[in-house]
């Protein structure tokens, strides 16, 4: 690895590809909805997730996670249903270039305990893709994702390729830090009905 930014961009592309493939595999098993209907429903909850995506560049990691966790409690969905929906919608978000849906879905997975998805928030915050650029925050999210794998959680992107995890670790630790000063903004949560496709997380 000679350039951490290039290495992280490659890992981001890999994660995006895996997220889309996983989503499409799960969509094929959903009964009663066409792929287009599922995509439309996923995009429909973007307004509810947008404040949390915005908060990524404004708040600390624990504050963002607490806000998302509080929102999850208002959905009325079981964790298994919500994870299934989030996995489907994350891939839909990437496939349709809707970063509020993609990032919002990853945030829900993280807030429900799947900390390996911290990698996703790191990938977005480091270059400022779909959210503000915050290299310092990106490192915190990467660290949580890597710590989860160290604790035995299976990798969700490129499973069976431990060299990808090693590369991600080296590249994320090589990122510089910024001293940017921001004024925290409290997200305004919009009422929303999250889609439920009758499929649970695998």
C-alpha atoms as a PDB file:
ATOM      1  CA  UNK A   1       0.000   0.000   0.000  1.00  0.00           C
ATOM      2  CA  UNK A   2       1.515   3.296  -1.119  1.00  0.00           C
ATOM      3  CA  UNK A   3      -1.521   5.572  -1.039  1.00  0.00           C
ATOM      4  CA  UNK A   4      -4.156   5.074   1.699  1.00  0.00           C
ATOM      5  CA  UNK A   5      -6.756   7.069  -0.236  1.00  0.00           C
ATOM      6  CA  UNK A   6      -6.494   4.821  -3.280  1.00  0.00           C
ATOM      7  CA  UNK A   7      -6.598   1.733  -1.079  1.00  0.00           C
ATOM      8  CA  UNK A   8      -9.700   2.965   0.741  1.00  0.00           C
ATOM      9  CA  UNK A   9     -11.400   3.866  -2.538  1.00  0.00           C
ATOM     10  CA  UNK A  10     -10.816   0.311  -3.734  1.00  0.00           C
ATOM     11  CA  UNK A  11     -12.270  -1.093  -0.505  1.00  0.00           C
ATOM     12  CA  UNK A  12     -15.265   1.235  -0.841  1.00  0.00           C
ATOM     13  CA  UNK A  13     -15.942  -0.022  -4.365  1.00  0.00           C
ATOM     14  CA  UNK A  14     -15.698  -3.587  -3.097  1.00  0.00           C
ATOM     15  CA  UNK A  15     -18.095  -2.908  -0.211  1.00  0.00           C
ATOM     16  CA  UNK A  16     -20.554  -1.205  -2.562  1.00  0.00           C
ATOM     17  CA  UNK A  17     -20.439  -4.165  -4.960  1.00  0.00           C
ATOM     18  CA  UNK A  18     -21.073  -6.659  -2.152  1.00  0.00           C
ATOM     19  CA  UNK A  19     -23.919  -4.558  -0.730  1.00  0.00           C
ATOM     20  CA  UNK A  20     -25.662  -4.429  -4.114  1.00  0.00           C
ATOM     21  CA  UNK A  21     -25.189  -8.163  -4.720  1.00  0.00           C
ATOM     22  CA  UNK A  22     -26.524  -9.046  -1.251  1.00  0.00           C
ATOM     23  CA  UNK A  23     -29.507  -6.765  -1.762  1.00  0.00           C
ATOM     24  CA  UNK A  24     -30.379  -8.243  -5.148  1.00  0.00           C
ATOM     25  CA  UNK A  25     -30.105 -11.767  -3.756  1.00  0.00           C
ATOM     26  CA  UNK A  26     -32.545 -10.886  -0.957  1.00  0.00           C
ATOM     27  CA  UNK A  27     -34.903  -9.021  -3.313  1.00  0.00           C
ATOM     28  CA  UNK A  28     -35.197 -12.190  -5.418  1.00  0.00           C
ATOM     29  CA  UNK A  29     -36.651 -13.949  -2.360  1.00  0.00           C
ATOM     30  CA  UNK A  30     -39.240 -11.291  -1.514  1.00  0.00           C
ATOM     31  CA  UNK A  31     -42.803 -12.320  -2.276  1.00  0.00           C
ATOM     32  CA  UNK A  32     -45.413  -9.875  -3.527  1.00  0.00           C
ATOM     33  CA  UNK A  33     -43.131  -7.018  -4.607  1.00  0.00           C
ATOM     34  CA  UNK A  34     -41.349  -6.295  -7.871  1.00  0.00           C
ATOM     35  CA  UNK A  35     -37.751  -5.019  -7.701  1.00  0.00           C
ATOM     36  CA  UNK A  36     -38.963  -1.597  -8.855  1.00  0.00           C
ATOM     37  CA  UNK A  37     -41.588  -1.475  -6.095  1.00  0.00           C
ATOM     38  CA  UNK A  38     -38.958  -2.384  -3.512  1.00  0.00           C
ATOM     39  CA  UNK A  39     -36.621   0.319  -4.803  1.00  0.00           C
ATOM     40  CA  UNK A  40     -39.408   2.887  -4.641  1.00  0.00           C
ATOM     41  CA  UNK A  41     -40.242   1.956  -1.052  1.00  0.00           C
ATOM     42  CA  UNK A  42     -36.584   2.135  -0.014  1.00  0.00           C
ATOM     43  CA  UNK A  43     -36.227   5.566  -1.566  1.00  0.00           C
ATOM     44  CA  UNK A  44     -39.385   6.628   0.216  1.00  0.00           C
ATOM     45  CA  UNK A  45     -37.734   6.558   3.622  1.00  0.00           C
ATOM     46  CA  UNK A  46     -34.750   8.699   2.571  1.00  0.00           C
ATOM     47  CA  UNK A  47     -36.296  11.846   4.141  1.00  0.00           C
ATOM     48  CA  UNK A  48     -36.453  10.097   7.518  1.00  0.00           C
ATOM     49  CA  UNK A  49     -32.805   9.040   7.361  1.00  0.00           C
ATOM     50  CA  UNK A  50     -31.397  12.240   5.877  1.00  0.00           C
ATOM     51  CA  UNK A  51     -31.026  14.057   9.244  1.00  0.00           C
ATOM     52  CA  UNK A  52     -28.929  11.198  10.604  1.00  0.00           C
ATOM     53  CA  UNK A  53     -26.752  11.152   7.496  1.00  0.00           C
ATOM     54  CA  UNK A  54     -26.236  14.896   7.858  1.00  0.00           C
ATOM     55  CA  UNK A  55     -25.383  14.415  11.539  1.00  0.00           C
ATOM     56  CA  UNK A  56     -22.475  12.147  10.570  1.00  0.00           C
ATOM     57  CA  UNK A  57     -20.430  15.222   9.766  1.00  0.00           C
ATOM     58  CA  UNK A  58     -21.647  17.218  12.756  1.00  0.00           C
ATOM     59  CA  UNK A  59     -21.875  14.908  15.748  1.00  0.00           C
ATOM     60  CA  UNK A  60     -19.725  12.361  17.503  1.00  0.00           C
ATOM     61  CA  UNK A  61     -20.150   8.693  16.715  1.00  0.00           C
ATOM     62  CA  UNK A  62     -21.947   7.878  20.021  1.00  0.00           C
ATOM     63  CA  UNK A  63     -24.367  10.781  19.510  1.00  0.00           C
ATOM     64  CA  UNK A  64     -25.241   9.677  15.984  1.00  0.00           C
ATOM     65  CA  UNK A  65     -25.727   6.068  17.087  1.00  0.00           C
ATOM     66  CA  UNK A  66     -27.972   7.147  19.968  1.00  0.00           C
ATOM     67  CA  UNK A  67     -30.125   9.240  17.628  1.00  0.00           C
ATOM     68  CA  UNK A  68     -30.502   6.359  15.169  1.00  0.00           C
ATOM     69  CA  UNK A  69     -31.227   3.879  17.967  1.00  0.00           C
ATOM     70  CA  UNK A  70     -33.973   6.156  19.272  1.00  0.00           C
ATOM     71  CA  UNK A  71     -35.457   6.390  15.780  1.00  0.00           C
ATOM     72  CA  UNK A  72     -35.392   2.591  15.399  1.00  0.00           C
ATOM     73  CA  UNK A  73     -37.564   2.237  18.495  1.00  0.00           C
ATOM     74  CA  UNK A  74     -40.273   4.295  16.766  1.00  0.00           C
ATOM     75  CA  UNK A  75     -40.485   2.035  13.704  1.00  0.00           C
ATOM     76  CA  UNK A  76     -42.432  -0.763  15.384  1.00  0.00           C
ATOM     77  CA  UNK A  77     -40.459  -3.368  13.429  1.00  0.00           C
ATOM     78  CA  UNK A  78     -38.658  -6.368  14.898  1.00  0.00           C
ATOM     79  CA  UNK A  79     -34.838  -6.285  14.732  1.00  0.00           C
ATOM     80  CA  UNK A  80     -34.809  -9.178  12.245  1.00  0.00           C
ATOM     81  CA  UNK A  81     -37.283  -7.417   9.947  1.00  0.00           C
ATOM     82  CA  UNK A  82     -35.469  -4.126  10.251  1.00  0.00           C
ATOM     83  CA  UNK A  83     -32.108  -5.700   9.454  1.00  0.00           C
ATOM     84  CA  UNK A  84     -33.565  -7.430   6.415  1.00  0.00           C
ATOM     85  CA  UNK A  85     -35.034  -4.144   5.211  1.00  0.00           C
ATOM     86  CA  UNK A  86     -31.774  -2.283   5.869  1.00  0.00           C
ATOM     87  CA  UNK A  87     -29.707  -4.847   3.967  1.00  0.00           C
ATOM     88  CA  UNK A  88     -32.044  -4.645   0.995  1.00  0.00           C
ATOM     89  CA  UNK A  89     -32.254  -0.864   1.035  1.00  0.00           C
ATOM     90  CA  UNK A  90     -28.517  -0.303   1.423  1.00  0.00           C
ATOM     91  CA  UNK A  91     -27.930  -2.088  -1.865  1.00  0.00           C
ATOM     92  CA  UNK A  92     -30.828  -0.225  -3.476  1.00  0.00           C
ATOM     93  CA  UNK A  93     -29.333   3.052  -2.266  1.00  0.00           C
ATOM     94  CA  UNK A  94     -25.986   2.304  -3.872  1.00  0.00           C
ATOM     95  CA  UNK A  95     -27.547   0.990  -7.056  1.00  0.00           C
ATOM     96  CA  UNK A  96     -29.663   4.143  -7.451  1.00  0.00           C
ATOM     97  CA  UNK A  97     -26.993   6.559  -6.128  1.00  0.00           C
ATOM     98  CA  UNK A  98     -29.203   7.583  -3.209  1.00  0.00           C
ATOM     99  CA  UNK A  99     -26.697   8.061  -0.419  1.00  0.00           C
ATOM    100  CA  UNK A 100     -29.317   8.930   2.206  1.00  0.00           C
ATOM    101  CA  UNK A 101     -30.816   5.473   1.704  1.00  0.00           C
ATOM    102  CA  UNK A 102     -27.462   3.666   1.519  1.00  0.00           C
ATOM    103  CA  UNK A 103     -25.894   5.448   4.492  1.00  0.00           C
ATOM    104  CA  UNK A 104     -29.124   5.484   6.480  1.00  0.00           C
ATOM    105  CA  UNK A 105     -29.422   1.722   6.072  1.00  0.00           C
ATOM    106  CA  UNK A 106     -25.816   1.176   7.165  1.00  0.00           C
ATOM    107  CA  UNK A 107     -26.408   3.399  10.195  1.00  0.00           C
ATOM    108  CA  UNK A 108     -29.413   1.287  11.181  1.00  0.00           C
ATOM    109  CA  UNK A 109     -27.367  -1.908  10.919  1.00  0.00           C
ATOM    110  CA  UNK A 110     -24.637  -0.372  13.090  1.00  0.00           C
ATOM    111  CA  UNK A 111     -27.094   0.960  15.667  1.00  0.00           C
ATOM    112  CA  UNK A 112     -28.618  -2.510  15.981  1.00  0.00           C
ATOM    113  CA  UNK A 113     -25.237  -3.945  16.908  1.00  0.00           C
ATOM    114  CA  UNK A 114     -23.684  -4.904  13.573  1.00  0.00           C
ATOM    115  CA  UNK A 115     -20.624  -2.728  14.069  1.00  0.00           C
ATOM    116  CA  UNK A 116     -18.821  -4.175  11.065  1.00  0.00           C
ATOM    117  CA  UNK A 117     -20.897  -1.669   9.081  1.00  0.00           C
ATOM    118  CA  UNK A 118     -18.787   1.101  10.626  1.00  0.00           C
ATOM    119  CA  UNK A 119     -16.609   0.635   7.567  1.00  0.00           C
ATOM    120  CA  UNK A 120     -19.377   2.103   5.408  1.00  0.00           C
ATOM    121  CA  UNK A 121     -19.574   5.358   7.360  1.00  0.00           C
ATOM    122  CA  UNK A 122     -15.784   5.603   7.247  1.00  0.00           C
ATOM    123  CA  UNK A 123     -15.792   5.237   3.474  1.00  0.00           C
ATOM    124  CA  UNK A 124     -18.228   8.121   3.124  1.00  0.00           C
ATOM    125  CA  UNK A 125     -16.764  10.479   5.708  1.00  0.00           C
ATOM    126  CA  UNK A 126     -13.132  10.175   4.575  1.00  0.00           C
ATOM    127  CA  UNK A 127     -13.735  11.725   1.119  1.00  0.00           C
ATOM    128  CA  UNK A 128     -16.979  13.514   2.000  1.00  0.00           C
ATOM    129  CA  UNK A 129     -19.125  11.362  -0.279  1.00  0.00           C
ATOM    130  CA  UNK A 130     -22.816  11.809   0.526  1.00  0.00           C
ATOM    131  CA  UNK A 131     -21.967  13.633   3.747  1.00  0.00           C
ATOM    132  CA  UNK A 132     -19.510  16.229   5.023  1.00  0.00           C
ATOM    133  CA  UNK A 133     -15.835  15.335   4.841  1.00  0.00           C
ATOM    134  CA  UNK A 134     -14.596  14.470   8.320  1.00  0.00           C
ATOM    135  CA  UNK A 135     -11.417  12.422   8.300  1.00  0.00           C
ATOM    136  CA  UNK A 136     -11.285  12.370  12.105  1.00  0.00           C
ATOM    137  CA  UNK A 137     -14.786  10.927  12.329  1.00  0.00           C
ATOM    138  CA  UNK A 138     -14.050   8.494   9.490  1.00  0.00           C
ATOM    139  CA  UNK A 139     -11.218   6.975  11.502  1.00  0.00           C
ATOM    140  CA  UNK A 140     -13.516   6.459  14.501  1.00  0.00           C
ATOM    141  CA  UNK A 141     -16.057   4.591  12.353  1.00  0.00           C
ATOM    142  CA  UNK A 142     -13.366   2.487  10.665  1.00  0.00           C
ATOM    143  CA  UNK A 143     -11.938   1.561  14.067  1.00  0.00           C
ATOM    144  CA  UNK A 144     -15.324   0.364  15.328  1.00  0.00           C
ATOM    145  CA  UNK A 145     -15.830  -1.754  12.222  1.00  0.00           C
ATOM    146  CA  UNK A 146     -12.376  -3.312  12.537  1.00  0.00           C
ATOM    147  CA  UNK A 147     -12.799  -3.869  16.283  1.00  0.00           C
ATOM    148  CA  UNK A 148     -15.994  -5.811  15.573  1.00  0.00           C
ATOM    149  CA  UNK A 149     -14.097  -8.127  13.227  1.00  0.00           C
ATOM    150  CA  UNK A 150     -11.331  -8.489  15.822  1.00  0.00           C
ATOM    151  CA  UNK A 151     -13.997  -9.584  18.316  1.00  0.00           C
ATOM    152  CA  UNK A 152     -15.126 -12.335  15.963  1.00  0.00           C
ATOM    153  CA  UNK A 153     -17.887 -10.709  13.900  1.00  0.00           C
ATOM    154  CA  UNK A 154     -17.858 -12.012  10.320  1.00  0.00           C
ATOM    155  CA  UNK A 155     -16.854  -9.575   7.609  1.00  0.00           C
ATOM    156  CA  UNK A 156     -19.880  -8.508   5.592  1.00  0.00           C
ATOM    157  CA  UNK A 157     -17.850  -7.280   2.633  1.00  0.00           C
ATOM    158  CA  UNK A 158     -15.357  -9.590   0.934  1.00  0.00           C
ATOM    159  CA  UNK A 159     -15.878 -12.450   3.400  1.00  0.00           C
ATOM    160  CA  UNK A 160     -13.098 -14.995   3.273  1.00  0.00           C
ATOM    161  CA  UNK A 161     -10.565 -12.388   2.188  1.00  0.00           C
ATOM    162  CA  UNK A 162      -8.714 -11.420   5.393  1.00  0.00           C
ATOM    163  CA  UNK A 163      -6.168  -9.491   3.337  1.00  0.00           C
ATOM    164  CA  UNK A 164      -8.913  -6.920   2.654  1.00  0.00           C
ATOM    165  CA  UNK A 165      -9.368  -6.396   6.390  1.00  0.00           C
ATOM    166  CA  UNK A 166      -5.608  -5.972   6.843  1.00  0.00           C
ATOM    167  CA  UNK A 167      -5.467  -3.463   4.002  1.00  0.00           C
ATOM    168  CA  UNK A 168      -8.424  -1.538   5.420  1.00  0.00           C
ATOM    169  CA  UNK A 169      -6.755  -1.414   8.832  1.00  0.00           C
ATOM    170  CA  UNK A 170      -3.466  -0.073   7.465  1.00  0.00           C
ATOM    171  CA  UNK A 171      -5.096   2.441   5.131  1.00  0.00           C
ATOM    172  CA  UNK A 172      -7.561   3.834   7.683  1.00  0.00           C
ATOM    173  CA  UNK A 173      -4.835   4.283  10.300  1.00  0.00           C
ATOM    174  CA  UNK A 174      -2.778   6.192   7.726  1.00  0.00           C
ATOM    175  CA  UNK A 175      -5.467   8.819   7.219  1.00  0.00           C
ATOM    176  CA  UNK A 176      -4.579  12.255   8.516  1.00  0.00           C
ATOM    177  CA  UNK A 177      -6.718  14.085  11.047  1.00  0.00           C
ATOM    178  CA  UNK A 178      -8.419  17.440  10.640  1.00  0.00           C
ATOM    179  CA  UNK A 179      -9.090  20.139  13.163  1.00  0.00           C
ATOM    180  CA  UNK A 180     -12.312  21.284  11.571  1.00  0.00           C
ATOM    181  CA  UNK A 181     -14.734  22.964  13.921  1.00  0.00           C
ATOM    182  CA  UNK A 182     -18.438  22.399  13.456  1.00  0.00           C
ATOM    183  CA  UNK A 183     -21.543  23.485  15.277  1.00  0.00           C
ATOM    184  CA  UNK A 184     -23.693  20.478  16.202  1.00  0.00           C
ATOM    185  CA  UNK A 185     -27.163  20.525  14.718  1.00  0.00           C
ATOM    186  CA  UNK A 186     -29.996  18.468  16.179  1.00  0.00           C
ATOM    187  CA  UNK A 187     -31.562  16.405  13.377  1.00  0.00           C
ATOM    188  CA  UNK A 188     -35.258  16.883  12.817  1.00  0.00           C
ATOM    189  CA  UNK A 189     -36.757  13.430  12.489  1.00  0.00           C
ATOM    190  CA  UNK A 190     -39.457  13.218   9.876  1.00  0.00           C
ATOM    191  CA  UNK A 191     -42.263  10.721  10.486  1.00  0.00           C
ATOM    192  CA  UNK A 192     -41.852   7.829   8.117  1.00  0.00           C
ATOM    193  CA  UNK A 193     -43.117   4.361   7.549  1.00  0.00           C
ATOM    194  CA  UNK A 194     -40.199   2.067   6.840  1.00  0.00           C
ATOM    195  CA  UNK A 195     -40.819  -0.578   4.220  1.00  0.00           C
ATOM    196  CA  UNK A 196     -41.100  -4.166   5.378  1.00  0.00           C
ATOM    197  CA  UNK A 197     -40.645  -6.862   2.772  1.00  0.00           C
ATOM    198  CA  UNK A 198     -41.428  -9.895   4.889  1.00  0.00           C
ATOM    199  CA  UNK A 199     -37.842 -11.069   4.794  1.00  0.00           C
ATOM    200  CA  UNK A 200     -35.455 -11.170   7.715  1.00  0.00           C
ATOM    201  CA  UNK A 201     -31.717 -10.686   7.890  1.00  0.00           C
ATOM    202  CA  UNK A 202     -29.637 -13.664   6.829  1.00  0.00           C
END
